[in-house]
């Protein structure tokens, strides 16, 4: 079974909105925790990573 890779978006704010793009799902607001440095959308599994955490491999 091949799993489709998740989309990863680099962001600069810890509060982000996701709507799945082009009417993909209802818009949800997500909060990136300081501990993790990233959050995944519960609808589309898109991963939002804070810019300063992308380089550290989190």
Protein backbone atom coordinates (compact mmCIF):
# COMPACT_ATOMS: atom_id res chain seq x y z
CA UNK A 1 0.00 0.00 0.00
CA UNK A 2 1.50 3.36 -1.05
CA UNK A 3 0.73 6.21 1.30
CA UNK A 4 0.42 9.67 -0.22
CA UNK A 5 2.98 11.98 1.43
CA UNK A 6 1.54 14.77 3.54
CA UNK A 7 1.88 18.34 2.38
CA UNK A 8 4.21 20.38 4.61
CA UNK A 9 3.80 24.13 4.77
CA UNK A 10 6.38 26.39 6.37
CA UNK A 11 4.70 29.20 8.34
CA UNK A 12 5.85 32.14 10.45
CA UNK A 13 2.85 32.38 12.80
CA UNK A 14 1.83 29.89 15.48
CA UNK A 15 -1.89 30.26 14.64
CA UNK A 16 -2.81 29.06 11.15
CA UNK A 17 -6.00 28.37 9.19
CA UNK A 18 -6.52 25.41 6.88
CA UNK A 19 -9.41 24.84 4.48
CA UNK A 20 -7.88 22.07 2.37
CA UNK A 21 -7.64 24.42 -0.61
CA UNK A 22 -10.38 25.01 -3.19
CA UNK A 23 -13.24 23.92 -0.95
CA UNK A 24 -11.47 20.85 0.39
CA UNK A 25 -12.97 21.01 3.89
CA UNK A 26 -14.38 23.53 6.39
CA UNK A 27 -11.86 26.14 7.53
CA UNK A 28 -10.29 25.27 10.86
CA UNK A 29 -7.89 27.30 12.98
CA UNK A 30 -4.93 25.41 14.35
CA UNK A 31 -2.45 26.36 17.09
CA UNK A 32 1.17 25.29 16.83
CA UNK A 33 2.55 24.39 20.25
CA UNK A 34 5.91 25.77 21.28
CA UNK A 35 7.07 22.31 22.33
CA UNK A 36 6.45 20.57 19.01
CA UNK A 37 6.84 23.44 16.56
CA UNK A 38 4.26 21.90 14.21
CA UNK A 39 0.61 20.90 13.93
CA UNK A 40 -1.36 18.68 11.54
CA UNK A 41 -4.80 19.46 10.14
CA UNK A 42 -7.32 16.87 11.39
CA UNK A 43 -9.11 16.93 8.02
CA UNK A 44 -6.41 16.76 5.35
CA UNK A 45 -3.28 15.90 7.39
CA UNK A 46 -1.42 18.92 6.02
CA UNK A 47 1.49 19.64 8.36
CA UNK A 48 2.23 23.25 9.34
CA UNK A 49 5.77 23.79 10.62
CA UNK A 50 7.08 26.99 12.19
CA UNK A 51 9.92 28.32 10.06
CA UNK A 52 12.53 28.24 12.82
CA UNK A 53 11.68 24.58 13.58
CA UNK A 54 11.97 23.36 9.97
CA UNK A 55 15.78 23.54 10.08
CA UNK A 56 16.05 21.58 13.35
CA UNK A 57 14.21 18.53 11.98
CA UNK A 58 11.13 18.78 14.20
